[in-house]
Amino acid sequence: MSEARSGPPNLGVGVLNAAPCAAEATIAVTGVGRSGTTMVARILAALGLPTGVPVGEDVLESPEVNTLVLARDVAGFAALCRRADAAHPRWTLKSPKLRNHIADFSAVMRAPRWIVVMRDPVAVAARNALVADVDLLENMEAAARGNLRICRQLAGLNAPALLLSYEKTLQHPAETVAAVARFCDVPLGAAAAAPLGATVMNGDPRYFGGREVKSA
């Protein structure tokens, strides 16, 4: 019988194209709908990073950003980014709708940095089933396809990307907060990370203000 190997815990965190965060940068959060992007957006807010445009309190998304992304209006999105750049050295935005067009929109962001959240397809489908009468298996398949499309886009991305597991984030909230802070170059001591970990929760009651089914 082989001996069990000990080592650091699996925090479900990975970094692609590692590079220091510039003093002026845009941090974008995306992932399949219902994958935990709102949770990550709340971590960024708790770290003191502003959103570049007004957002709703329930899911912390900008209707203006979502409209531009759905229309694939890269020029309009670029204009929005320039307005936000003028107001904030570093700012954040969160939109699951960006997940299918990462490279196109990344190209017009100032010093883009991406945070991508992945979640178990069963959990994504079950979350959708809480708010609508949906086919569980079809939703699972859609979530899996969505994750695969994201992986394919990340393979060609030059910008830094922080990859987070939703499930591991729930297991290790303080460590995830610390990883996000490092990625965004926000000074944060170990003692401060633990209280901010309270931002991480499953079933945030504010979230259910945005009750539409999220497709992949």
N, C-alpha and C. Protein backbone atom coordinates (compact mmCIF):
# COMPACT_ATOMS: atom_id res chain seq x y z
N MET A 1 0.85 -1.20 0.00
CA MET A 1 0.00 0.00 0.00
C MET A 1 0.89 1.25 0.00
N SER A 2 0.59 2.18 -0.89
CA SER A 2 1.40 3.39 -0.96
C SER A 2 1.04 4.32 0.18
N GLU A 3 2.03 5.09 0.62
CA GLU A 3 1.80 6.03 1.71
C GLU A 3 1.05 7.25 1.19
N ALA A 4 0.17 7.77 2.01
CA ALA A 4 -0.56 8.99 1.65
C ALA A 4 0.41 10.16 1.58
N ARG A 5 0.25 10.97 0.57
CA ARG A 5 1.11 12.13 0.41
C ARG A 5 0.47 13.35 1.07
N SER A 6 1.27 14.05 1.83
CA SER A 6 0.78 15.28 2.45
C SER A 6 1.29 16.47 1.64
N GLY A 7 0.60 17.55 1.73
CA GLY A 7 0.99 18.74 0.99
C GLY A 7 0.02 19.86 1.29
N PRO A 8 0.18 20.97 0.61
CA PRO A 8 -0.73 22.09 0.83
C PRO A 8 -2.14 21.74 0.40
N PRO A 9 -3.14 22.35 1.02
CA PRO A 9 -4.53 22.04 0.65
C PRO A 9 -4.85 22.54 -0.76
N ASN A 10 -5.77 21.87 -1.40
CA ASN A 10 -6.25 22.30 -2.71
C ASN A 10 -7.27 23.42 -2.50
N LEU A 11 -6.89 24.64 -2.83
CA LEU A 11 -7.76 25.79 -2.62
C LEU A 11 -8.63 26.08 -3.84
N GLY A 12 -8.44 25.32 -4.92
CA GLY A 12 -9.25 25.57 -6.11
C GLY A 12 -8.96 26.92 -6.75
N VAL A 13 -7.69 27.33 -6.71
CA VAL A 13 -7.27 28.63 -7.26
C VAL A 13 -6.17 28.40 -8.27
N GLY A 14 -6.27 29.04 -9.41
CA GLY A 14 -5.22 28.97 -10.42
C GLY A 14 -5.04 30.33 -11.08
N VAL A 15 -3.84 30.57 -11.61
CA VAL A 15 -3.57 31.84 -12.29
C VAL A 15 -2.98 31.55 -13.66
N LEU A 16 -3.52 32.19 -14.68
CA LEU A 16 -2.98 32.13 -16.03
C LEU A 16 -2.33 33.47 -16.37
N ASN A 17 -1.21 33.41 -17.09
CA ASN A 17 -0.52 34.63 -17.54
C ASN A 17 -0.22 35.56 -16.37
N ALA A 18 0.36 35.00 -15.32
CA ALA A 18 0.63 35.78 -14.11
C ALA A 18 1.46 37.02 -14.42
N ALA A 19 1.03 38.14 -13.86
CA ALA A 19 1.73 39.42 -14.02
C ALA A 19 1.24 40.35 -12.93
N PRO A 20 2.10 41.28 -12.47
CA PRO A 20 1.65 42.22 -11.44
C PRO A 20 0.48 43.06 -11.94
N CYS A 21 -0.36 43.45 -11.01
CA CYS A 21 -1.49 44.31 -11.36
C CYS A 21 -0.99 45.74 -11.53
N ALA A 22 -1.29 46.34 -12.66
CA ALA A 22 -0.87 47.71 -12.92
C ALA A 22 -1.61 48.68 -12.00
N ALA A 23 -1.04 49.86 -11.83
CA ALA A 23 -1.69 50.87 -11.00
C ALA A 23 -3.03 51.29 -11.59
N GLU A 24 -3.13 51.22 -12.91
CA GLU A 24 -4.39 51.49 -13.60
C GLU A 24 -4.80 50.22 -14.32
N ALA A 25 -5.93 49.66 -13.93
CA ALA A 25 -6.33 48.36 -14.47
C ALA A 25 -7.84 48.19 -14.38
N THR A 26 -8.35 47.27 -15.20
CA THR A 26 -9.76 46.90 -15.17
C THR A 26 -9.87 45.43 -14.80
N ILE A 27 -10.67 45.12 -13.81
CA ILE A 27 -10.81 43.75 -13.31
C ILE A 27 -12.22 43.28 -13.64
N ALA A 28 -12.31 42.28 -14.51
CA ALA A 28 -13.60 41.79 -14.99
C ALA A 28 -13.87 40.41 -14.44
N VAL A 29 -15.09 40.20 -13.96
CA VAL A 29 -15.51 38.91 -13.40
C VAL A 29 -16.53 38.29 -14.34
N THR A 30 -16.32 37.01 -14.68
CA THR A 30 -17.29 36.32 -15.51
C THR A 30 -17.29 34.83 -15.19
N GLY A 31 -18.20 34.13 -15.81
CA GLY A 31 -18.37 32.69 -15.62
C GLY A 31 -19.77 32.33 -16.09
N VAL A 32 -20.06 31.06 -16.11
CA VAL A 32 -21.41 30.61 -16.45
C VAL A 32 -22.40 31.20 -15.44
N GLY A 33 -23.59 31.55 -15.90
CA GLY A 33 -24.60 32.07 -14.98
C GLY A 33 -24.84 31.13 -13.82
N ARG A 34 -25.02 31.70 -12.63
CA ARG A 34 -25.22 30.96 -11.37
C ARG A 34 -23.96 30.25 -10.90
N SER A 35 -22.79 30.72 -11.34
CA SER A 35 -21.56 30.03 -10.97
C SER A 35 -20.83 30.68 -9.81
N GLY A 36 -21.32 31.81 -9.31
CA GLY A 36 -20.66 32.47 -8.18
C GLY A 36 -20.02 33.80 -8.53
N THR A 37 -20.35 34.37 -9.69
CA THR A 37 -19.74 35.65 -10.05
C THR A 37 -20.17 36.78 -9.12
N THR A 38 -21.41 36.73 -8.64
CA THR A 38 -21.86 37.77 -7.70
C THR A 38 -21.08 37.69 -6.40
N MET A 39 -20.81 36.49 -5.94
CA MET A 39 -20.02 36.31 -4.72
C MET A 39 -18.64 36.95 -4.88
N VAL A 40 -18.01 36.74 -6.03
CA VAL A 40 -16.69 37.33 -6.27
C VAL A 40 -16.80 38.85 -6.36
N ALA A 41 -17.85 39.35 -6.99
CA ALA A 41 -18.04 40.80 -7.08
C ALA A 41 -18.18 41.40 -5.68
N ARG A 42 -18.81 40.69 -4.76
CA ARG A 42 -18.94 41.20 -3.39
C ARG A 42 -17.58 41.18 -2.68
N ILE A 43 -16.74 40.21 -2.99
CA ILE A 43 -15.39 40.21 -2.43
C ILE A 43 -14.64 41.45 -2.90
N LEU A 44 -14.71 41.75 -4.19
CA LEU A 44 -14.03 42.92 -4.73
C LEU A 44 -14.53 44.20 -4.07
N ALA A 45 -15.85 44.29 -3.87
CA ALA A 45 -16.41 45.47 -3.21
C ALA A 45 -15.92 45.57 -1.77
N ALA A 46 -15.84 44.43 -1.08
CA ALA A 46 -15.36 44.43 0.30
C ALA A 46 -13.89 44.84 0.38
N LEU A 47 -13.14 44.59 -0.69
CA LEU A 47 -11.74 45.00 -0.74
C LEU A 47 -11.58 46.48 -1.07
N GLY A 48 -12.69 47.15 -1.33
CA GLY A 48 -12.64 48.58 -1.59
C GLY A 48 -12.47 48.96 -3.04
N LEU A 49 -12.63 48.00 -3.95
CA LEU A 49 -12.48 48.29 -5.38
C LEU A 49 -13.83 48.75 -5.94
N PRO A 50 -13.87 49.88 -6.61
CA PRO A 50 -15.15 50.41 -7.10
C PRO A 50 -15.59 49.74 -8.39
N THR A 51 -16.89 49.73 -8.61
CA THR A 51 -17.41 49.36 -9.93
C THR A 51 -17.31 50.58 -10.83
N GLY A 52 -17.02 50.35 -12.09
CA GLY A 52 -16.84 51.48 -12.99
C GLY A 52 -18.12 52.15 -13.40
N VAL A 53 -19.23 51.43 -13.30
CA VAL A 53 -20.54 51.94 -13.71
C VAL A 53 -21.56 51.53 -12.65
N PRO A 54 -22.71 52.22 -12.58
CA PRO A 54 -23.73 51.85 -11.59
C PRO A 54 -24.21 50.41 -11.78
N VAL A 55 -24.43 49.73 -10.66
CA VAL A 55 -24.88 48.34 -10.69
C VAL A 55 -26.06 48.15 -9.75
N GLY A 56 -26.85 47.11 -9.99
CA GLY A 56 -27.92 46.75 -9.09
C GLY A 56 -27.38 46.04 -7.86
N GLU A 57 -28.00 46.25 -6.72
CA GLU A 57 -27.50 45.66 -5.48
C GLU A 57 -27.70 44.16 -5.43
N ASP A 58 -28.68 43.63 -6.18
CA ASP A 58 -28.97 42.20 -6.06
C ASP A 58 -27.86 41.34 -6.65
N VAL A 59 -27.50 41.59 -7.92
CA VAL A 59 -26.48 40.75 -8.57
C VAL A 59 -25.25 41.55 -8.99
N LEU A 60 -25.20 42.83 -8.63
CA LEU A 60 -24.02 43.68 -8.89
C LEU A 60 -23.63 43.71 -10.36
N GLU A 61 -24.63 43.77 -11.23
CA GLU A 61 -24.37 43.86 -12.67
C GLU A 61 -24.88 45.20 -13.20
N SER A 62 -24.22 45.67 -14.25
CA SER A 62 -24.63 46.90 -14.91
C SER A 62 -25.52 46.57 -16.10
N PRO A 63 -26.76 47.06 -16.12
CA PRO A 63 -27.61 46.84 -17.30
C PRO A 63 -26.96 47.39 -18.57
N GLU A 64 -26.23 48.50 -18.44
CA GLU A 64 -25.58 49.09 -19.62
C GLU A 64 -24.52 48.14 -20.17
N VAL A 65 -23.70 47.58 -19.30
CA VAL A 65 -22.68 46.63 -19.75
C VAL A 65 -23.34 45.43 -20.41
N ASN A 66 -24.35 44.88 -19.77
CA ASN A 66 -25.01 43.69 -20.33
C ASN A 66 -25.63 43.97 -21.69
N THR A 67 -26.23 45.14 -21.85
CA THR A 67 -26.82 45.50 -23.14
C THR A 67 -25.75 45.57 -24.23
N LEU A 68 -24.62 46.19 -23.92
CA LEU A 68 -23.54 46.31 -24.89
C LEU A 68 -22.95 44.94 -25.25
N VAL A 69 -22.80 44.09 -24.25
CA VAL A 69 -22.22 42.77 -24.50
C VAL A 69 -23.17 41.93 -25.35
N LEU A 70 -24.45 41.93 -25.01
CA LEU A 70 -25.42 41.15 -25.78
C LEU A 70 -25.48 41.61 -27.23
N ALA A 71 -25.29 42.92 -27.45
CA ALA A 71 -25.29 43.45 -28.82
C ALA A 71 -23.93 43.30 -29.49
N ARG A 72 -22.95 42.81 -28.74
CA ARG A 72 -21.57 42.71 -29.21
C ARG A 72 -21.07 44.06 -29.71
N ASP A 73 -21.46 45.09 -28.98
CA ASP A 73 -21.09 46.46 -29.32
C ASP A 73 -19.75 46.78 -28.64
N VAL A 74 -18.67 46.35 -29.26
CA VAL A 74 -17.35 46.54 -28.67
C VAL A 74 -17.00 48.02 -28.61
N ALA A 75 -17.36 48.78 -29.63
CA ALA A 75 -17.06 50.21 -29.64
C ALA A 75 -17.80 50.92 -28.50
N GLY A 76 -19.06 50.58 -28.29
CA GLY A 76 -19.81 51.18 -27.19
C GLY A 76 -19.23 50.79 -25.84
N PHE A 77 -18.79 49.53 -25.72
CA PHE A 77 -18.17 49.07 -24.49
C PHE A 77 -16.86 49.80 -24.25
N ALA A 78 -16.09 50.03 -25.31
CA ALA A 78 -14.83 50.76 -25.18
C ALA A 78 -15.07 52.17 -24.67
N ALA A 79 -16.12 52.82 -25.18
CA ALA A 79 -16.45 54.17 -24.72
C ALA A 79 -16.82 54.16 -23.24
N LEU A 80 -17.58 53.15 -22.82
CA LEU A 80 -17.93 53.01 -21.41
C LEU A 80 -16.67 52.84 -20.57
N CYS A 81 -15.74 52.02 -21.05
CA CYS A 81 -14.50 51.79 -20.31
C CYS A 81 -13.69 53.08 -20.16
N ARG A 82 -13.65 53.90 -21.22
CA ARG A 82 -12.88 55.15 -21.14
C ARG A 82 -13.50 56.08 -20.09
N ARG A 83 -14.82 56.10 -19.99
CA ARG A 83 -15.46 56.93 -18.96
C ARG A 83 -15.09 56.43 -17.57
N ALA A 84 -15.14 55.12 -17.39
CA ALA A 84 -14.79 54.55 -16.08
C ALA A 84 -13.31 54.73 -15.78
N ASP A 85 -12.46 54.61 -16.81
CA ASP A 85 -11.02 54.82 -16.63
C ASP A 85 -10.74 56.22 -16.10
N ALA A 86 -11.48 57.20 -16.63
CA ALA A 86 -11.27 58.59 -16.22
C ALA A 86 -11.66 58.82 -14.76
N ALA A 87 -12.56 57.98 -14.25
CA ALA A 87 -13.06 58.16 -12.89
C ALA A 87 -12.29 57.35 -11.86
N HIS A 88 -11.68 56.23 -12.28
CA HIS A 88 -11.05 55.32 -11.33
C HIS A 88 -9.74 54.76 -11.89
N PRO A 89 -8.65 54.76 -11.11
CA PRO A 89 -7.43 54.09 -11.56
C PRO A 89 -7.66 52.59 -11.79
N ARG A 90 -8.27 51.96 -10.80
CA ARG A 90 -8.66 50.55 -10.93
C ARG A 90 -10.15 50.45 -10.67
N TRP A 91 -10.82 49.67 -11.49
CA TRP A 91 -12.26 49.49 -11.29
C TRP A 91 -12.65 48.10 -11.74
N THR A 92 -13.85 47.69 -11.33
CA THR A 92 -14.29 46.32 -11.59
C THR A 92 -15.61 46.32 -12.35
N LEU A 93 -15.84 45.24 -13.04
CA LEU A 93 -17.16 44.98 -13.61
C LEU A 93 -17.41 43.49 -13.56
N LYS A 94 -18.67 43.13 -13.50
CA LYS A 94 -19.05 41.72 -13.41
C LYS A 94 -20.19 41.47 -14.38
N SER A 95 -19.99 40.51 -15.28
CA SER A 95 -21.05 40.15 -16.22
C SER A 95 -20.82 38.73 -16.72
N PRO A 96 -21.68 37.78 -16.32
CA PRO A 96 -21.57 36.44 -16.91
C PRO A 96 -21.71 36.47 -18.43
N LYS A 97 -22.37 37.47 -18.97
CA LYS A 97 -22.57 37.54 -20.41
C LYS A 97 -21.26 37.76 -21.16
N LEU A 98 -20.23 38.22 -20.49
CA LEU A 98 -18.93 38.39 -21.12
C LEU A 98 -18.26 37.07 -21.46
N ARG A 99 -18.72 35.99 -20.86
CA ARG A 99 -17.99 34.72 -20.94
C ARG A 99 -17.83 34.19 -22.36
N ASN A 100 -18.73 34.55 -23.26
CA ASN A 100 -18.65 34.04 -24.63
C ASN A 100 -17.86 34.94 -25.56
N HIS A 101 -17.40 36.09 -25.05
CA HIS A 101 -16.70 37.05 -25.91
C HIS A 101 -15.51 37.66 -25.17
N ILE A 102 -14.80 36.85 -24.41
CA ILE A 102 -13.75 37.37 -23.54
C ILE A 102 -12.69 38.14 -24.32
N ALA A 103 -12.15 37.56 -25.39
CA ALA A 103 -11.06 38.19 -26.13
C ALA A 103 -11.50 39.51 -26.76
N ASP A 104 -12.70 39.53 -27.34
CA ASP A 104 -13.17 40.74 -28.03
C ASP A 104 -13.26 41.93 -27.08
N PHE A 105 -13.82 41.72 -25.91
CA PHE A 105 -14.01 42.82 -24.98
C PHE A 105 -12.75 43.11 -24.17
N SER A 106 -11.93 42.09 -23.95
CA SER A 106 -10.67 42.30 -23.26
C SER A 106 -9.77 43.25 -24.04
N ALA A 107 -9.86 43.20 -25.36
CA ALA A 107 -8.98 43.99 -26.22
C ALA A 107 -9.16 45.49 -26.05
N VAL A 108 -10.33 45.93 -25.55
CA VAL A 108 -10.57 47.37 -25.41
C VAL A 108 -10.57 47.81 -23.95
N MET A 109 -10.21 46.90 -23.04
CA MET A 109 -10.11 47.25 -21.62
C MET A 109 -8.70 47.70 -21.30
N ARG A 110 -8.58 48.62 -20.36
CA ARG A 110 -7.26 49.10 -19.94
C ARG A 110 -6.63 48.09 -18.98
N ALA A 111 -5.47 47.56 -19.36
CA ALA A 111 -4.75 46.59 -18.52
C ALA A 111 -5.71 45.57 -17.92
N PRO A 112 -6.39 44.79 -18.77
CA PRO A 112 -7.43 43.88 -18.26
C PRO A 112 -6.89 42.76 -17.40
N ARG A 113 -7.66 42.42 -16.38
CA ARG A 113 -7.39 41.27 -15.53
C ARG A 113 -8.74 40.58 -15.33
N TRP A 114 -8.75 39.28 -15.52
CA TRP A 114 -10.00 38.52 -15.48
C TRP A 114 -10.05 37.63 -14.25
N ILE A 115 -11.22 37.55 -13.65
CA ILE A 115 -11.49 36.55 -12.61
C ILE A 115 -12.62 35.68 -13.13
N VAL A 116 -12.34 34.40 -13.30
CA VAL A 116 -13.30 33.46 -13.89
C VAL A 116 -13.67 32.42 -12.84
N VAL A 117 -14.96 32.27 -12.61
CA VAL A 117 -15.46 31.33 -11.60
C VAL A 117 -16.06 30.11 -12.29
N MET A 118 -15.73 28.94 -11.80
CA MET A 118 -16.30 27.69 -12.30
C MET A 118 -17.07 27.01 -11.17
N ARG A 119 -18.20 26.40 -11.53
CA ARG A 119 -19.03 25.72 -10.54
C ARG A 119 -19.51 24.39 -11.10
N ASP A 120 -19.70 23.43 -10.23
CA ASP A 120 -20.24 22.11 -10.58
C ASP A 120 -21.52 22.27 -11.39
N PRO A 121 -21.61 21.69 -12.59
CA PRO A 121 -22.83 21.84 -13.41
C PRO A 121 -24.11 21.40 -12.71
N VAL A 122 -24.03 20.41 -11.83
CA VAL A 122 -25.23 20.00 -11.09
C VAL A 122 -25.72 21.16 -10.22
N ALA A 123 -24.79 21.84 -9.56
CA ALA A 123 -25.17 22.95 -8.69
C ALA A 123 -25.75 24.11 -9.49
N VAL A 124 -25.17 24.38 -10.67
CA VAL A 124 -25.70 25.45 -11.52
C VAL A 124 -27.13 25.14 -11.93
N ALA A 125 -27.36 23.91 -12.37
CA ALA A 125 -28.71 23.51 -12.80
C ALA A 125 -29.68 23.54 -11.63
N ALA A 126 -29.25 23.07 -10.47
CA ALA A 126 -30.12 23.08 -9.30
C ALA A 126 -30.47 24.50 -8.88
N ARG A 127 -29.52 25.41 -9.00
CA ARG A 127 -29.79 26.81 -8.67
C ARG A 127 -30.84 27.39 -9.62
N ASN A 128 -30.72 27.09 -10.92
CA ASN A 128 -31.74 27.55 -11.87
C ASN A 128 -33.11 26.97 -11.53
N ALA A 129 -33.12 25.71 -11.08
CA ALA A 129 -34.39 25.06 -10.75
C ALA A 129 -35.07 25.70 -9.54
N LEU A 130 -34.31 26.43 -8.73
CA LEU A 130 -34.91 27.11 -7.58
C LEU A 130 -35.76 28.30 -8.00
N VAL A 131 -35.51 28.83 -9.19
CA VAL A 131 -36.21 30.05 -9.59
C VAL A 131 -37.12 29.85 -10.80
N ALA A 132 -37.09 28.67 -11.42
CA ALA A 132 -37.93 28.44 -12.60
C ALA A 132 -38.11 26.95 -12.82
N ASP A 133 -39.13 26.62 -13.60
CA ASP A 133 -39.38 25.22 -13.95
C ASP A 133 -38.50 24.87 -15.15
N VAL A 134 -37.34 24.28 -14.89
CA VAL A 134 -36.38 23.99 -15.95
C VAL A 134 -36.05 22.50 -15.94
N ASP A 135 -35.54 22.03 -17.07
CA ASP A 135 -35.11 20.64 -17.18
C ASP A 135 -33.71 20.53 -16.58
N LEU A 136 -33.57 19.73 -15.53
CA LEU A 136 -32.31 19.65 -14.80
C LEU A 136 -31.18 19.16 -15.70
N LEU A 137 -31.41 18.09 -16.44
CA LEU A 137 -30.35 17.52 -17.26
C LEU A 137 -29.92 18.48 -18.37
N GLU A 138 -30.89 19.13 -19.00
CA GLU A 138 -30.55 20.10 -20.05
C GLU A 138 -29.72 21.25 -19.48
N ASN A 139 -30.07 21.70 -18.28
CA ASN A 139 -29.31 22.78 -17.66
C ASN A 139 -27.91 22.33 -17.27
N MET A 140 -27.77 21.08 -16.82
CA MET A 140 -26.44 20.56 -16.51
C MET A 140 -25.57 20.55 -17.76
N GLU A 141 -26.14 20.07 -18.85
CA GLU A 141 -25.38 20.00 -20.11
C GLU A 141 -24.99 21.40 -20.58
N ALA A 142 -25.92 22.34 -20.46
CA ALA A 142 -25.62 23.71 -20.88
C ALA A 142 -24.49 24.31 -20.05
N ALA A 143 -24.50 24.06 -18.74
CA ALA A 143 -23.44 24.57 -17.87
C ALA A 143 -22.09 23.96 -18.23
N ALA A 144 -22.08 22.66 -18.52
CA ALA A 144 -20.83 21.99 -18.89
C ALA A 144 -20.30 22.55 -20.21
N ARG A 145 -21.19 22.77 -21.18
CA ARG A 145 -20.77 23.36 -22.45
C ARG A 145 -20.22 24.77 -22.24
N GLY A 146 -20.88 25.52 -21.36
CA GLY A 146 -20.43 26.88 -21.08
C GLY A 146 -19.03 26.89 -20.49
N ASN A 147 -18.76 25.99 -19.55
CA ASN A 147 -17.43 25.90 -18.97
C ASN A 147 -16.39 25.55 -20.02
N LEU A 148 -16.73 24.64 -20.93
CA LEU A 148 -15.80 24.24 -21.98
C LEU A 148 -15.49 25.42 -22.90
N ARG A 149 -16.51 26.19 -23.25
CA ARG A 149 -16.27 27.36 -24.11
C ARG A 149 -15.36 28.36 -23.42
N ILE A 150 -15.55 28.55 -22.13
CA ILE A 150 -14.68 29.46 -21.38
C ILE A 150 -13.24 28.97 -21.43
N CYS A 151 -13.03 27.68 -21.20
CA CYS A 151 -11.68 27.12 -21.23
C CYS A 151 -11.01 27.36 -22.58
N ARG A 152 -11.75 27.18 -23.64
CA ARG A 152 -11.19 27.38 -24.98
C ARG A 152 -10.81 28.84 -25.20
N GLN A 153 -11.60 29.76 -24.67
CA GLN A 153 -11.25 31.17 -24.80
C GLN A 153 -10.03 31.53 -23.96
N LEU A 154 -9.95 30.98 -22.77
CA LEU A 154 -8.81 31.28 -21.90
C LEU A 154 -7.51 30.80 -22.51
N ALA A 155 -7.58 29.74 -23.32
CA ALA A 155 -6.37 29.20 -23.95
C ALA A 155 -5.71 30.22 -24.87
N GLY A 156 -6.49 31.14 -25.43
CA GLY A 156 -5.94 32.14 -26.33
C GLY A 156 -5.84 33.53 -25.72
N LEU A 157 -6.06 33.64 -24.41
CA LEU A 157 -6.07 34.94 -23.75
C LEU A 157 -4.66 35.32 -23.31
N ASN A 158 -4.26 36.56 -23.56
CA ASN A 158 -2.95 37.04 -23.13
C ASN A 158 -3.00 37.74 -21.77
N ALA A 159 -4.17 38.19 -21.37
CA ALA A 159 -4.30 38.92 -20.12
C ALA A 159 -4.24 37.97 -18.92
N PRO A 160 -3.81 38.46 -17.76
CA PRO A 160 -3.84 37.62 -16.55
C PRO A 160 -5.26 37.20 -16.20
N ALA A 161 -5.40 35.98 -15.71
CA ALA A 161 -6.72 35.47 -15.32
C ALA A 161 -6.58 34.66 -14.03
N LEU A 162 -7.42 34.97 -13.07
CA LEU A 162 -7.51 34.22 -11.82
C LEU A 162 -8.68 33.26 -11.94
N LEU A 163 -8.43 31.98 -11.77
CA LEU A 163 -9.46 30.96 -11.88
C LEU A 163 -9.86 30.51 -10.48
N LEU A 164 -11.16 30.50 -10.21
CA LEU A 164 -11.66 30.14 -8.89
C LEU A 164 -12.70 29.04 -9.00
N SER A 165 -12.63 28.10 -8.08
CA SER A 165 -13.67 27.08 -7.93
C SER A 165 -14.69 27.57 -6.91
N TYR A 166 -15.94 27.58 -7.30
CA TYR A 166 -17.00 28.01 -6.38
C TYR A 166 -17.01 27.13 -5.13
N GLU A 167 -16.94 25.82 -5.35
CA GLU A 167 -17.03 24.89 -4.22
C GLU A 167 -15.86 25.06 -3.26
N LYS A 168 -14.65 25.23 -3.81
CA LYS A 168 -13.48 25.41 -2.95
C LYS A 168 -13.50 26.77 -2.26
N THR A 169 -14.09 27.76 -2.91
CA THR A 169 -14.22 29.07 -2.28
C THR A 169 -15.06 28.97 -1.01
N LEU A 170 -16.14 28.19 -1.07
CA LEU A 170 -16.98 28.01 0.12
C LEU A 170 -16.22 27.29 1.23
N GLN A 171 -15.32 26.38 0.86
CA GLN A 171 -14.53 25.64 1.85
C GLN A 171 -13.42 26.50 2.45
N HIS A 172 -12.86 27.40 1.65
CA HIS A 172 -11.70 28.18 2.08
C HIS A 172 -11.94 29.67 1.79
N PRO A 173 -12.91 30.29 2.45
CA PRO A 173 -13.26 31.67 2.11
C PRO A 173 -12.14 32.67 2.35
N ALA A 174 -11.47 32.59 3.49
CA ALA A 174 -10.41 33.57 3.78
C ALA A 174 -9.27 33.44 2.79
N GLU A 175 -8.93 32.20 2.42
CA GLU A 175 -7.84 32.00 1.46
C GLU A 175 -8.22 32.53 0.08
N THR A 176 -9.49 32.38 -0.28
CA THR A 176 -9.93 32.92 -1.57
C THR A 176 -9.89 34.43 -1.57
N VAL A 177 -10.35 35.05 -0.49
CA VAL A 177 -10.28 36.51 -0.37
C VAL A 177 -8.83 36.97 -0.51
N ALA A 178 -7.92 36.26 0.14
CA ALA A 178 -6.50 36.63 0.06
C ALA A 178 -5.98 36.49 -1.37
N ALA A 179 -6.41 35.43 -2.07
CA ALA A 179 -5.97 35.23 -3.46
C ALA A 179 -6.48 36.34 -4.36
N VAL A 180 -7.73 36.74 -4.17
CA VAL A 180 -8.30 37.83 -4.97
C VAL A 180 -7.56 39.13 -4.67
N ALA A 181 -7.27 39.38 -3.40
CA ALA A 181 -6.55 40.60 -3.02
C ALA A 181 -5.16 40.63 -3.66
N ARG A 182 -4.45 39.51 -3.64
CA ARG A 182 -3.13 39.46 -4.28
C ARG A 182 -3.23 39.72 -5.77
N PHE A 183 -4.21 39.12 -6.41
CA PHE A 183 -4.37 39.26 -7.85
C PHE A 183 -4.63 40.72 -8.23
N CYS A 184 -5.34 41.43 -7.35
CA CYS A 184 -5.69 42.83 -7.61
C CYS A 184 -4.72 43.81 -6.94
N ASP A 185 -3.68 43.29 -6.31
CA ASP A 185 -2.67 44.10 -5.63
C ASP A 185 -3.30 45.01 -4.57
N VAL A 186 -4.18 44.42 -3.78
CA VAL A 186 -4.78 45.13 -2.65
C VAL A 186 -4.11 44.61 -1.38
N PRO A 187 -3.37 45.46 -0.64
CA PRO A 187 -2.72 45.00 0.59
C PRO A 187 -3.75 44.45 1.57
N LEU A 188 -3.47 43.26 2.07
CA LEU A 188 -4.42 42.62 2.99
C LEU A 188 -3.65 41.65 3.88
N GLY A 189 -3.63 41.93 5.17
CA GLY A 189 -2.99 41.03 6.10
C GLY A 189 -3.84 39.80 6.36
N ALA A 190 -3.21 38.75 6.88
CA ALA A 190 -3.93 37.51 7.16
C ALA A 190 -5.08 37.74 8.13
N ALA A 191 -4.87 38.63 9.09
CA ALA A 191 -5.92 38.89 10.08
C ALA A 191 -7.14 39.55 9.44
N ALA A 192 -6.92 40.33 8.38
CA ALA A 192 -8.03 41.02 7.73
C ALA A 192 -8.79 40.11 6.78
N ALA A 193 -8.12 39.07 6.28
CA ALA A 193 -8.75 38.19 5.29
C ALA A 193 -9.90 37.40 5.91
N ALA A 194 -9.74 36.97 7.16
CA ALA A 194 -10.76 36.13 7.79
C ALA A 194 -12.11 36.84 7.92
N PRO A 195 -12.17 38.08 8.44
CA PRO A 195 -13.48 38.75 8.51
C PRO A 195 -14.10 38.98 7.13
N LEU A 196 -13.28 39.30 6.13
CA LEU A 196 -13.81 39.51 4.79
C LEU A 196 -14.33 38.21 4.20
N GLY A 197 -13.86 37.08 4.74
CA GLY A 197 -14.36 35.79 4.27
C GLY A 197 -15.85 35.63 4.51
N ALA A 198 -16.42 36.44 5.41
CA ALA A 198 -17.87 36.38 5.66
C ALA A 198 -18.66 36.82 4.44
N THR A 199 -17.97 37.50 3.50
CA THR A 199 -18.62 37.88 2.24
C THR A 199 -19.01 36.66 1.44
N VAL A 200 -18.27 35.56 1.66
CA VAL A 200 -18.48 34.32 0.90
C VAL A 200 -19.61 33.53 1.54
N MET A 201 -20.68 33.32 0.78
CA MET A 201 -21.79 32.54 1.31
C MET A 201 -22.57 31.90 0.17
N ASN A 202 -23.20 30.79 0.48
CA ASN A 202 -24.08 30.12 -0.48
C ASN A 202 -25.51 30.54 -0.16
N GLY A 203 -26.23 31.06 -1.15
CA GLY A 203 -27.61 31.46 -0.92
C GLY A 203 -27.76 32.85 -0.34
N ASP A 204 -26.91 33.78 -0.75
CA ASP A 204 -27.03 35.17 -0.32
C ASP A 204 -28.45 35.66 -0.63
N PRO A 205 -29.21 36.11 0.39
CA PRO A 205 -30.60 36.52 0.14
C PRO A 205 -30.74 37.68 -0.84
N ARG A 206 -29.71 38.52 -0.95
CA ARG A 206 -29.77 39.63 -1.90
C ARG A 206 -29.78 39.13 -3.33
N TYR A 207 -29.19 37.96 -3.54
CA TYR A 207 -29.03 37.43 -4.90
C TYR A 207 -30.36 37.13 -5.56
N PHE A 208 -31.34 36.74 -4.79
CA PHE A 208 -32.60 36.30 -5.38
C PHE A 208 -33.45 37.45 -5.91
N GLY A 209 -32.90 38.68 -5.85
CA GLY A 209 -33.54 39.77 -6.58
C GLY A 209 -33.40 39.58 -8.07
N GLY A 210 -32.33 38.88 -8.50
CA GLY A 210 -32.14 38.59 -9.92
C GLY A 210 -32.53 37.15 -10.18
N ARG A 211 -33.78 36.92 -10.54
CA ARG A 211 -34.32 35.58 -10.54
C ARG A 211 -34.42 34.94 -11.92
N GLU A 212 -33.88 35.59 -12.95
CA GLU A 212 -34.01 34.98 -14.27
C GLU A 212 -33.12 33.75 -14.37
N VAL A 213 -33.52 32.80 -15.21
CA VAL A 213 -32.71 31.61 -15.44
C VAL A 213 -31.49 32.01 -16.24
N LYS A 214 -30.32 31.52 -15.83
CA LYS A 214 -29.08 31.83 -16.52
C LYS A 214 -28.74 30.69 -17.46
N SER A 215 -28.62 30.99 -18.73
CA SER A 215 -28.24 29.97 -19.71
C SER A 215 -26.74 30.02 -19.93
N ALA A 216 -26.19 28.92 -20.46
CA ALA A 216 -24.76 28.88 -20.72
C ALA A 216 -24.46 29.41 -22.10
